[in-house]
Amino acid sequence: MEGGIAEGNGGMREEAPQIPGFLGRGSFVSVLARTGNDLAGYVCDRHGSGLLLEVRDPSGDPHGYEFLPWSSIERVSAEG
């Protein structure tokens, strides 16, 4: 590795998100909670204590709001 970028992979994509954009208000994300629940929806807000989502069901219809403490979140992913 040279300068923190692995050789041969071309480095990180220029459009790779940063946390403020990745978890910014209005970003669509999928969340795997430690309870085993998969949730998908739009980020309403993020705070030092957790993430507030407008949850969508598989058809895309709104299904209410969920607050997830950071300690309950195993993984957050977004298309990109």
PDB file of N, CA and C in Angstrom:
ATOM      1  N   MET A   1       0.837  -1.176   0.000  1.00  0.00           N
ATOM      2  CA  MET A   1       0.000   0.000   0.000  1.00  0.00           C
ATOM      3  C   MET A   1       0.878   1.235   0.000  1.00  0.00           C
ATOM      4  N   GLU A   2       0.456   2.199  -0.768  1.00  0.00           N
ATOM      5  CA  GLU A   2       1.198   3.441  -0.833  1.00  0.00           C
ATOM      6  C   GLU A   2       0.240   4.585  -0.581  1.00  0.00           C
ATOM      7  N   GLY A   3       0.523   5.416   0.410  1.00  0.00           N
ATOM      8  CA  GLY A   3      -0.322   6.549   0.711  1.00  0.00           C
ATOM      9  C   GLY A   3      -1.724   6.170   1.160  1.00  0.00           C
ATOM     10  N   GLY A   4      -1.900   4.960   1.692  1.00  0.00           N
ATOM     11  CA  GLY A   4      -3.193   4.540   2.199  1.00  0.00           C
ATOM     12  C   GLY A   4      -4.127   3.969   1.144  1.00  0.00           C
ATOM     13  N   ILE A   5      -3.662   3.840  -0.105  1.00  0.00           N
ATOM     14  CA  ILE A   5      -4.494   3.280  -1.168  1.00  0.00           C
ATOM     15  C   ILE A   5      -3.827   2.005  -1.666  1.00  0.00           C
ATOM     16  N   ALA A   6      -4.587   0.912  -1.695  1.00  0.00           N
ATOM     17  CA  ALA A   6      -4.052  -0.365  -2.159  1.00  0.00           C
ATOM     18  C   ALA A   6      -3.724  -0.269  -3.644  1.00  0.00           C
ATOM     19  N   GLU A   7      -2.557  -0.781  -4.021  1.00  0.00           N
ATOM     20  CA  GLU A   7      -2.163  -0.770  -5.426  1.00  0.00           C
ATOM     21  C   GLU A   7      -3.029  -1.741  -6.216  1.00  0.00           C
ATOM     22  N   GLY A   8      -3.294  -1.398  -7.462  1.00  0.00           N
ATOM     23  CA  GLY A   8      -3.998  -2.307  -8.350  1.00  0.00           C
ATOM     24  C   GLY A   8      -5.506  -2.162  -8.345  1.00  0.00           C
ATOM     25  N   ASN A   9      -6.078  -1.482  -7.342  1.00  0.00           N
ATOM     26  CA  ASN A   9      -7.530  -1.356  -7.332  1.00  0.00           C
ATOM     27  C   ASN A   9      -7.987   0.022  -7.805  1.00  0.00           C
ATOM     28  N   GLY A  10      -7.044   0.890  -8.135  1.00  0.00           N
ATOM     29  CA  GLY A  10      -7.393   2.202  -8.642  1.00  0.00           C
ATOM     30  C   GLY A  10      -7.827   3.174  -7.561  1.00  0.00           C
ATOM     31  N   GLY A  11      -7.799   2.763  -6.312  1.00  0.00           N
ATOM     32  CA  GLY A  11      -8.203   3.643  -5.222  1.00  0.00           C
ATOM     33  C   GLY A  11      -9.707   3.714  -5.068  1.00  0.00           C
ATOM     34  N   MET A  12     -10.116   4.550  -4.176  1.00  0.00           N
ATOM     35  CA  MET A  12     -11.525   4.717  -3.872  1.00  0.00           C
ATOM     36  C   MET A  12     -12.204   5.536  -4.975  1.00  0.00           C
ATOM     37  N   ARG A  13     -13.446   5.196  -5.269  1.00  0.00           N
ATOM     38  CA  ARG A  13     -14.206   5.954  -6.264  1.00  0.00           C
ATOM     39  C   ARG A  13     -14.389   7.393  -5.794  1.00  0.00           C
ATOM     40  N   GLU A  14     -14.328   8.331  -6.732  1.00  0.00           N
ATOM     41  CA  GLU A  14     -14.498   9.741  -6.391  1.00  0.00           C
ATOM     42  C   GLU A  14     -15.854  10.038  -5.778  1.00  0.00           C
ATOM     43  N   GLU A  15     -16.886   9.327  -6.211  1.00  0.00           N
ATOM     44  CA  GLU A  15     -18.232   9.588  -5.723  1.00  0.00           C
ATOM     45  C   GLU A  15     -18.560   8.840  -4.431  1.00  0.00           C
ATOM     46  N   ALA A  16     -17.559   8.178  -3.826  1.00  0.00           N
ATOM     47  CA  ALA A  16     -17.800   7.467  -2.570  1.00  0.00           C
ATOM     48  C   ALA A  16     -18.337   8.452  -1.530  1.00  0.00           C
ATOM     49  N   PRO A  17     -19.418   8.075  -0.835  1.00  0.00           N
ATOM     50  CA  PRO A  17     -20.053   9.016   0.093  1.00  0.00           C
ATOM     51  C   PRO A  17     -19.244   9.232   1.361  1.00  0.00           C
ATOM     52  N   GLN A  18     -19.521  10.344   1.998  1.00  0.00           N
ATOM     53  CA  GLN A  18     -19.042  10.616   3.340  1.00  0.00           C
ATOM     54  C   GLN A  18     -20.240  10.474   4.260  1.00  0.00           C
ATOM     55  N   ILE A  19     -20.008  10.320   5.550  1.00  0.00           N
ATOM     56  CA  ILE A  19     -21.092  10.088   6.500  1.00  0.00           C
ATOM     57  C   ILE A  19     -22.205  11.134   6.394  1.00  0.00           C
ATOM     58  N   PRO A  20     -21.907  12.444   6.346  1.00  0.00           N
ATOM     59  CA  PRO A  20     -23.015  13.409   6.263  1.00  0.00           C
ATOM     60  C   PRO A  20     -23.928  13.180   5.049  1.00  0.00           C
ATOM     61  N   GLY A  21     -23.380  12.795   3.914  1.00  0.00           N
ATOM     62  CA  GLY A  21     -24.204  12.533   2.735  1.00  0.00           C
ATOM     63  C   GLY A  21     -24.864  11.163   2.778  1.00  0.00           C
ATOM     64  N   PHE A  22     -24.125  10.185   3.255  1.00  0.00           N
ATOM     65  CA  PHE A  22     -24.614   8.804   3.320  1.00  0.00           C
ATOM     66  C   PHE A  22     -25.806   8.691   4.259  1.00  0.00           C
ATOM     67  N   LEU A  23     -25.726   9.366   5.392  1.00  0.00           N
ATOM     68  CA  LEU A  23     -26.799   9.326   6.378  1.00  0.00           C
ATOM     69  C   LEU A  23     -27.533  10.656   6.464  1.00  0.00           C
ATOM     70  N   GLY A  24     -27.460  11.458   5.406  1.00  0.00           N
ATOM     71  CA  GLY A  24     -28.138  12.748   5.390  1.00  0.00           C
ATOM     72  C   GLY A  24     -29.639  12.604   5.266  1.00  0.00           C
ATOM     73  N   ARG A  25     -30.348  13.624   5.696  1.00  0.00           N
ATOM     74  CA  ARG A  25     -31.814  13.641   5.622  1.00  0.00           C
ATOM     75  C   ARG A  25     -32.254  13.372   4.187  1.00  0.00           C
ATOM     76  N   GLY A  26     -33.170  12.425   4.015  1.00  0.00           N
ATOM     77  CA  GLY A  26     -33.688  12.084   2.696  1.00  0.00           C
ATOM     78  C   GLY A  26     -32.952  10.957   1.997  1.00  0.00           C
ATOM     79  N   SER A  27     -31.847  10.477   2.573  1.00  0.00           N
ATOM     80  CA  SER A  27     -31.117   9.349   1.976  1.00  0.00           C
ATOM     81  C   SER A  27     -31.896   8.063   2.198  1.00  0.00           C
ATOM     82  N   PHE A  28     -32.005   7.232   1.160  1.00  0.00           N
ATOM     83  CA  PHE A  28     -32.680   5.948   1.300  1.00  0.00           C
ATOM     84  C   PHE A  28     -31.649   4.910   1.722  1.00  0.00           C
ATOM     85  N   VAL A  29     -31.893   4.233   2.844  1.00  0.00           N
ATOM     86  CA  VAL A  29     -30.951   3.258   3.385  1.00  0.00           C
ATOM     87  C   VAL A  29     -31.675   1.983   3.788  1.00  0.00           C
ATOM     88  N   SER A  30     -30.911   0.911   3.872  1.00  0.00           N
ATOM     89  CA  SER A  30     -31.375  -0.355   4.435  1.00  0.00           C
ATOM     90  C   SER A  30     -30.583  -0.585   5.710  1.00  0.00           C
ATOM     91  N   VAL A  31     -31.274  -0.985   6.754  1.00  0.00           N
ATOM     92  CA  VAL A  31     -30.640  -1.160   8.064  1.00  0.00           C
ATOM     93  C   VAL A  31     -30.882  -2.583   8.547  1.00  0.00           C
ATOM     94  N   LEU A  32     -29.814  -3.224   8.990  1.00  0.00           N
ATOM     95  CA  LEU A  32     -29.917  -4.522   9.653  1.00  0.00           C
ATOM     96  C   LEU A  32     -29.709  -4.267  11.134  1.00  0.00           C
ATOM     97  N   ALA A  33     -30.760  -4.492  11.910  1.00  0.00           N
ATOM     98  CA  ALA A  33     -30.679  -4.291  13.357  1.00  0.00           C
ATOM     99  C   ALA A  33     -30.205  -5.575  14.024  1.00  0.00           C
ATOM    100  N   ARG A  34     -29.621  -5.444  15.182  1.00  0.00           N
ATOM    101  CA  ARG A  34     -29.104  -6.600  15.926  1.00  0.00           C
ATOM    102  C   ARG A  34     -30.216  -7.578  16.297  1.00  0.00           C
ATOM    103  N   THR A  35     -31.444  -7.117  16.286  1.00  0.00           N
ATOM    104  CA  THR A  35     -32.582  -7.999  16.587  1.00  0.00           C
ATOM    105  C   THR A  35     -32.898  -8.917  15.415  1.00  0.00           C
ATOM    106  N   GLY A  36     -32.232  -8.692  14.264  1.00  0.00           N
ATOM    107  CA  GLY A  36     -32.475  -9.504  13.079  1.00  0.00           C
ATOM    108  C   GLY A  36     -33.468  -8.879  12.125  1.00  0.00           C
ATOM    109  N   ASN A  37     -34.029  -7.736  12.495  1.00  0.00           N
ATOM    110  CA  ASN A  37     -34.990  -7.054  11.628  1.00  0.00           C
ATOM    111  C   ASN A  37     -34.268  -6.269  10.541  1.00  0.00           C
ATOM    112  N   ASP A  38     -34.750  -6.398   9.329  1.00  0.00           N
ATOM    113  CA  ASP A  38     -34.274  -5.574   8.226  1.00  0.00           C
ATOM    114  C   ASP A  38     -35.289  -4.461   8.027  1.00  0.00           C
ATOM    115  N   LEU A  39     -34.817  -3.238   7.985  1.00  0.00           N
ATOM    116  CA  LEU A  39     -35.673  -2.084   7.742  1.00  0.00           C
ATOM    117  C   LEU A  39     -35.113  -1.306   6.564  1.00  0.00           C
ATOM    118  N   ALA A  40     -35.980  -0.693   5.808  1.00  0.00           N
ATOM    119  CA  ALA A  40     -35.555   0.171   4.715  1.00  0.00           C
ATOM    120  C   ALA A  40     -36.394   1.427   4.787  1.00  0.00           C
ATOM    121  N   GLY A  41     -35.781   2.552   4.483  1.00  0.00           N
ATOM    122  CA  GLY A  41     -36.536   3.790   4.501  1.00  0.00           C
ATOM    123  C   GLY A  41     -35.640   4.994   4.319  1.00  0.00           C
ATOM    124  N   TYR A  42     -36.243   6.141   4.510  1.00  0.00           N
ATOM    125  CA  TYR A  42     -35.556   7.412   4.336  1.00  0.00           C
ATOM    126  C   TYR A  42     -35.089   7.950   5.676  1.00  0.00           C
ATOM    127  N   VAL A  43     -33.857   8.431   5.711  1.00  0.00           N
ATOM    128  CA  VAL A  43     -33.312   9.030   6.925  1.00  0.00           C
ATOM    129  C   VAL A  43     -34.045  10.340   7.187  1.00  0.00           C
ATOM    130  N   CYS A  44     -34.642  10.446   8.366  1.00  0.00           N
ATOM    131  CA  CYS A  44     -35.255  11.704   8.796  1.00  0.00           C
ATOM    132  C   CYS A  44     -34.234  12.537   9.551  1.00  0.00           C
ATOM    133  N   ASP A  45     -33.460  11.857  10.404  1.00  0.00           N
ATOM    134  CA  ASP A  45     -32.468  12.550  11.211  1.00  0.00           C
ATOM    135  C   ASP A  45     -31.483  11.542  11.774  1.00  0.00           C
ATOM    136  N   ARG A  46     -30.306  12.019  12.088  1.00  0.00           N
ATOM    137  CA  ARG A  46     -29.317  11.209  12.805  1.00  0.00           C
ATOM    138  C   ARG A  46     -28.829  12.052  13.960  1.00  0.00           C
ATOM    139  N   HIS A  47     -28.508  11.388  15.030  1.00  0.00           N
ATOM    140  CA  HIS A  47     -28.165  12.065  16.269  1.00  0.00           C
ATOM    141  C   HIS A  47     -27.098  11.243  16.959  1.00  0.00           C
ATOM    142  N   GLY A  48     -26.490  11.785  17.949  1.00  0.00           N
ATOM    143  CA  GLY A  48     -25.482  11.046  18.700  1.00  0.00           C
ATOM    144  C   GLY A  48     -26.004   9.761  19.302  1.00  0.00           C
ATOM    145  N   SER A  49     -27.322   9.688  19.508  1.00  0.00           N
ATOM    146  CA  SER A  49     -27.889   8.491  20.132  1.00  0.00           C
ATOM    147  C   SER A  49     -28.480   7.497  19.142  1.00  0.00           C
ATOM    148  N   GLY A  50     -28.697   7.901  17.872  1.00  0.00           N
ATOM    149  CA  GLY A  50     -29.261   6.936  16.937  1.00  0.00           C
ATOM    150  C   GLY A  50     -29.735   7.545  15.630  1.00  0.00           C
ATOM    151  N   LEU A  51     -30.543   6.765  14.936  1.00  0.00           N
ATOM    152  CA  LEU A  51     -31.003   7.080  13.592  1.00  0.00           C
ATOM    153  C   LEU A  51     -32.528   7.027  13.550  1.00  0.00           C
ATOM    154  N   LEU A  52     -33.153   8.072  12.983  1.00  0.00           N
ATOM    155  CA  LEU A  52     -34.599   8.113  12.832  1.00  0.00           C
ATOM    156  C   LEU A  52     -34.940   7.892  11.367  1.00  0.00           C
ATOM    157  N   LEU A  53     -35.732   6.847  11.098  1.00  0.00           N
ATOM    158  CA  LEU A  53     -36.108   6.487   9.729  1.00  0.00           C
ATOM    159  C   LEU A  53     -37.601   6.618   9.504  1.00  0.00           C
ATOM    160  N   GLU A  54     -37.969   7.041   8.293  1.00  0.00           N
ATOM    161  CA  GLU A  54     -39.334   6.875   7.818  1.00  0.00           C
ATOM    162  C   GLU A  54     -39.318   5.527   7.110  1.00  0.00           C
ATOM    163  N   VAL A  55     -39.860   4.505   7.741  1.00  0.00           N
ATOM    164  CA  VAL A  55     -39.770   3.129   7.264  1.00  0.00           C
ATOM    165  C   VAL A  55     -40.718   2.911   6.089  1.00  0.00           C
ATOM    166  N   ARG A  56     -40.240   2.174   5.098  1.00  0.00           N
ATOM    167  CA  ARG A  56     -41.046   1.802   3.927  1.00  0.00           C
ATOM    168  C   ARG A  56     -41.192   0.294   3.889  1.00  0.00           C
ATOM    169  N   ASP A  57     -42.369  -0.183   3.511  1.00  0.00           N
ATOM    170  CA  ASP A  57     -42.557  -1.624   3.346  1.00  0.00           C
ATOM    171  C   ASP A  57     -41.993  -2.026   1.981  1.00  0.00           C
ATOM    172  N   PRO A  58     -41.938  -3.328   1.677  1.00  0.00           N
ATOM    173  CA  PRO A  58     -41.336  -3.772   0.410  1.00  0.00           C
ATOM    174  C   PRO A  58     -41.968  -3.160  -0.845  1.00  0.00           C
ATOM    175  N   SER A  59     -43.236  -2.748  -0.771  1.00  0.00           N
ATOM    176  CA  SER A  59     -43.870  -2.130  -1.945  1.00  0.00           C
ATOM    177  C   SER A  59     -43.518  -0.653  -2.068  1.00  0.00           C
ATOM    178  N   GLY A  60     -42.852  -0.099  -1.031  1.00  0.00           N
ATOM    179  CA  GLY A  60     -42.459   1.303  -1.056  1.00  0.00           C
ATOM    180  C   GLY A  60     -43.401   2.229  -0.312  1.00  0.00           C
ATOM    181  N   ASP A  61     -44.483   1.662   0.242  1.00  0.00           N
ATOM    182  CA  ASP A  61     -45.440   2.487   0.982  1.00  0.00           C
ATOM    183  C   ASP A  61     -44.885   2.843   2.366  1.00  0.00           C
ATOM    184  N   PRO A  62     -45.159   4.065   2.842  1.00  0.00           N
ATOM    185  CA  PRO A  62     -44.710   4.456   4.187  1.00  0.00           C
ATOM    186  C   PRO A  62     -45.324   3.547   5.244  1.00  0.00           C
ATOM    187  N   HIS A  63     -44.545   3.253   6.257  1.00  0.00           N
ATOM    188  CA  HIS A  63     -44.998   2.343   7.316  1.00  0.00           C
ATOM    189  C   HIS A  63     -44.692   2.926   8.698  1.00  0.00           C
ATOM    190  N   GLY A  64     -44.633   4.240   8.801  1.00  0.00           N
ATOM    191  CA  GLY A  64     -44.367   4.872  10.092  1.00  0.00           C
ATOM    192  C   GLY A  64     -42.910   5.232  10.267  1.00  0.00           C
ATOM    193  N   TYR A  65     -42.583   5.573  11.499  1.00  0.00           N
ATOM    194  CA  TYR A  65     -41.233   6.011  11.844  1.00  0.00           C
ATOM    195  C   TYR A  65     -40.629   5.071  12.872  1.00  0.00           C
ATOM    196  N   GLU A  66     -39.328   4.883  12.775  1.00  0.00           N
ATOM    197  CA  GLU A  66     -38.609   4.034  13.737  1.00  0.00           C
ATOM    198  C   GLU A  66     -37.356   4.774  14.178  1.00  0.00           C
ATOM    199  N   PHE A  67     -37.142   4.804  15.485  1.00  0.00           N
ATOM    200  CA  PHE A  67     -35.878   5.310  16.016  1.00  0.00           C
ATOM    201  C   PHE A  67     -35.032   4.108  16.387  1.00  0.00           C
ATOM    202  N   LEU A  68     -33.823   4.062  15.874  1.00  0.00           N
ATOM    203  CA  LEU A  68     -32.911   2.952  16.157  1.00  0.00           C
ATOM    204  C   LEU A  68     -31.680   3.485  16.874  1.00  0.00           C
ATOM    205  N   PRO A  69     -31.478   3.101  18.127  1.00  0.00           N
ATOM    206  CA  PRO A  69     -30.244   3.487  18.809  1.00  0.00           C
ATOM    207  C   PRO A  69     -29.038   2.882  18.073  1.00  0.00           C
ATOM    208  N   TRP A  70     -27.934   3.605  18.034  1.00  0.00           N
ATOM    209  CA  TRP A  70     -26.746   3.096  17.333  1.00  0.00           C
ATOM    210  C   TRP A  70     -26.363   1.708  17.833  1.00  0.00           C
ATOM    211  N   SER A  71     -26.558   1.445  19.125  1.00  0.00           N
ATOM    212  CA  SER A  71     -26.163   0.143  19.674  1.00  0.00           C
ATOM    213  C   SER A  71     -27.006  -1.001  19.121  1.00  0.00           C
ATOM    214  N   SER A  72     -28.164  -0.693  18.512  1.00  0.00           N
ATOM    215  CA  SER A  72     -29.020  -1.742  17.957  1.00  0.00           C
ATOM    216  C   SER A  72     -28.776  -1.973  16.469  1.00  0.00           C
ATOM    217  N   ILE A  73     -27.920  -1.150  15.860  1.00  0.00           N
ATOM    218  CA  ILE A  73     -27.683  -1.240  14.420  1.00  0.00           C
ATOM    219  C   ILE A  73     -26.431  -2.042  14.128  1.00  0.00           C
ATOM    220  N   GLU A  74     -26.603  -3.069  13.312  1.00  0.00           N
ATOM    221  CA  GLU A  74     -25.469  -3.900  12.916  1.00  0.00           C
ATOM    222  C   GLU A  74     -24.844  -3.394  11.616  1.00  0.00           C
ATOM    223  N   ARG A  75     -25.708  -2.979  10.657  1.00  0.00           N
ATOM    224  CA  ARG A  75     -25.183  -2.529   9.363  1.00  0.00           C
ATOM    225  C   ARG A  75     -26.177  -1.565   8.716  1.00  0.00           C
ATOM    226  N   VAL A  76     -25.642  -0.555   8.050  1.00  0.00           N
ATOM    227  CA  VAL A  76     -26.446   0.369   7.243  1.00  0.00           C
ATOM    228  C   VAL A  76     -25.870   0.350   5.835  1.00  0.00           C
ATOM    229  N   SER A  77     -26.732   0.183   4.839  1.00  0.00           N
ATOM    230  CA  SER A  77     -26.253   0.185   3.457  1.00  0.00           C
ATOM    231  C   SER A  77     -27.146   1.053   2.599  1.00  0.00           C
ATOM    232  N   ALA A  78     -26.557   1.553   1.509  1.00  0.00           N
ATOM    233  CA  ALA A  78     -27.285   2.377   0.556  1.00  0.00           C
ATOM    234  C   ALA A  78     -26.776   2.044  -0.822  1.00  0.00           C
ATOM    235  N   GLU A  79     -27.653   2.136  -1.801  1.00  0.00           N
ATOM    236  CA  GLU A  79     -27.219   1.890  -3.178  1.00  0.00           C
ATOM    237  C   GLU A  79     -26.353   3.049  -3.623  1.00  0.00           C
ATOM    238  N   GLY A  80     -25.447   2.764  -4.499  1.00  0.00           N
ATOM    239  CA  GLY A  80     -24.609   3.846  -4.974  1.00  0.00           C
ATOM    240  C   GLY A  80     -23.626   3.342  -5.867  1.00  0.00           C
TER     241      GLY A  80
END
